[in-house]
C-alpha atoms as a PDB file:
ATOM      1  CA  THR A   1      76.251 115.971 109.992  1.00  0.00           C
ATOM      2  CA  ASP A   2      76.332 112.193 108.964  1.00  0.00           C
ATOM      3  CA  LEU A   3      75.292 111.413 112.398  1.00  0.00           C
ATOM      4  CA  ILE A   4      71.852 113.260 112.617  1.00  0.00           C
ATOM      5  CA  GLN A   5      71.061 111.507 109.053  1.00  0.00           C
ATOM      6  CA  THR A   6      71.623 108.172 110.267  1.00  0.00           C
ATOM      7  CA  GLN A   7      69.678 108.758 113.019  1.00  0.00           C
ATOM      8  CA  ARG A   8      66.524 109.920 110.900  1.00  0.00           C
ATOM      9  CA  ALA A   9      67.382 107.256 108.409  1.00  0.00           C
ATOM     10  CA  TYR A  10      67.048 104.287 111.373  1.00  0.00           C
ATOM     11  CA  SER A  11      64.378 106.260 112.617  1.00  0.00           C
ATOM     12  CA  SER A  12      61.889 106.195 109.274  1.00  0.00           C
ATOM     13  CA  ASN A  13      62.991 102.721 108.697  1.00  0.00           C
ATOM     14  CA  ALA A  14      61.921 101.467 112.102  1.00  0.00           C
ATOM     15  CA  LYS A  15      58.433 103.305 111.371  1.00  0.00           C
ATOM     16  CA  VAL A  16      58.276 101.360 108.590  1.00  0.00           C
ATOM     17  CA  ILE A  17      59.563  97.990 110.017  1.00  0.00           C
ATOM     18  CA  GLN A  18      56.969  98.365 112.801  1.00  0.00           C
ATOM     19  CA  THR A  19      54.075  98.742 110.006  1.00  0.00           C
ATOM     20  CA  VAL A  20      55.211  96.276 108.403  1.00  0.00           C
ATOM     21  CA  ASP A  21      55.047  94.438 111.487  1.00  0.00           C
ATOM     22  CA  GLU A  22      51.832  94.860 112.142  1.00  0.00           C
ATOM     23  CA  MET A  23      50.058  94.148 108.662  1.00  0.00           C
ATOM     24  CA  LEU A  24      51.702  90.445 108.755  1.00  0.00           C
ATOM     25  CA  GLN A  25      50.214  90.148 112.874  1.00  0.00           C
ATOM     26  CA  GLU A  26      46.461  91.350 110.805  1.00  0.00           C
ATOM     27  CA  THR A  27      47.203  89.288 107.801  1.00  0.00           C
ATOM     28  CA  THR A  28      47.883  86.203 110.426  1.00  0.00           C
ATOM     29  CA  ASN A  29      45.055  86.655 112.389  1.00  0.00           C
ATOM     30  CA  ILE A  30      42.458  87.075 109.535  1.00  0.00           C
ATOM     31  CA  LYS A  31      43.562  83.882 108.207  1.00  0.00           C
ATOM     32  CA  ARG A  32      43.025  81.884 111.313  1.00  0.00           C
END
């Protein structure tokens, strides 16, 4: 169903956003 596909897309996007957020935090720590 569309609902399941939407949930899958949302969860995969959330993982990508979380990964990018962690990378940005590490980059900020290196600059300091």
